[in-house]
Amino acid sequence: MRKRADRAGGNPPSRSEHRAGPARTAPADVPHLYRATAADAEAILLVRYPA
């Protein structure tokens, strides 16, 4: 593996390595973004403005 060999040798990472570094990639254990449905909106409105 070129990347690992470069890092072990002390060479600076290439420009493409900088762009796709580990800091930019999302962790694997992050859940998908929550998407509110119409039922959720109705429940929120009922809590805020009780009938």
Protein backbone atom coordinates (compact mmCIF):
# COMPACT_ATOMS: atom_id res chain seq x y z
CA MET A 1 0.00 0.00 0.00
CA ARG A 2 1.53 3.27 -1.10
CA LYS A 3 -0.24 5.47 1.44
CA ARG A 4 0.84 3.44 4.46
CA ALA A 5 4.41 3.18 3.15
CA ASP A 6 4.54 6.95 2.59
CA ARG A 7 3.33 7.68 6.10
CA ALA A 8 5.76 5.19 7.62
CA GLY A 9 8.61 6.80 5.69
CA GLY A 10 7.69 10.27 6.90
CA ASN A 11 6.77 11.68 3.50
CA PRO A 12 3.95 14.26 3.51
CA PRO A 13 0.61 12.98 2.18
CA SER A 14 -0.27 13.76 -1.41
CA ARG A 15 -2.85 16.42 -2.31
CA SER A 16 -5.53 13.83 -3.10
CA GLU A 17 -4.86 12.19 0.25
CA HIS A 18 -5.44 15.55 1.94
CA ARG A 19 -8.82 15.97 0.28
CA ALA A 20 -10.05 12.46 1.11
CA GLY A 21 -8.56 12.37 4.58
CA PRO A 22 -10.11 10.51 7.50
CA ALA A 23 -11.45 13.75 8.98
CA ARG A 24 -13.80 14.34 6.02
CA THR A 25 -15.40 10.87 5.98
CA ALA A 26 -18.46 10.24 8.15
CA PRO A 27 -18.15 7.62 10.90
CA ALA A 28 -19.83 4.32 10.11
CA ASP A 29 -21.93 4.28 13.30
CA VAL A 30 -23.76 7.57 12.63
CA PRO A 31 -27.46 6.78 12.08
CA HIS A 32 -29.27 8.07 9.04
CA LEU A 33 -30.72 11.56 9.40
CA TYR A 34 -34.13 11.56 11.03
CA ARG A 35 -36.94 12.43 8.65
CA ALA A 36 -40.09 13.82 10.29
CA THR A 37 -43.36 12.51 8.87
CA ALA A 38 -46.80 14.12 8.80
CA ALA A 39 -47.77 12.15 11.91
CA ASP A 40 -44.74 13.55 13.73
CA ALA A 41 -45.69 17.10 12.73
CA GLU A 42 -49.24 16.54 13.98
CA ALA A 43 -47.98 15.25 17.33
CA ILE A 44 -45.61 18.22 17.71
CA LEU A 45 -48.43 20.67 16.99
CA LEU A 46 -50.72 18.93 19.49
CA VAL A 47 -48.06 19.20 22.18
CA ARG A 48 -47.39 22.88 21.46
CA TYR A 49 -50.99 23.94 20.90
CA PRO A 50 -53.33 21.55 22.70
CA ALA A 51 -56.81 21.37 21.23
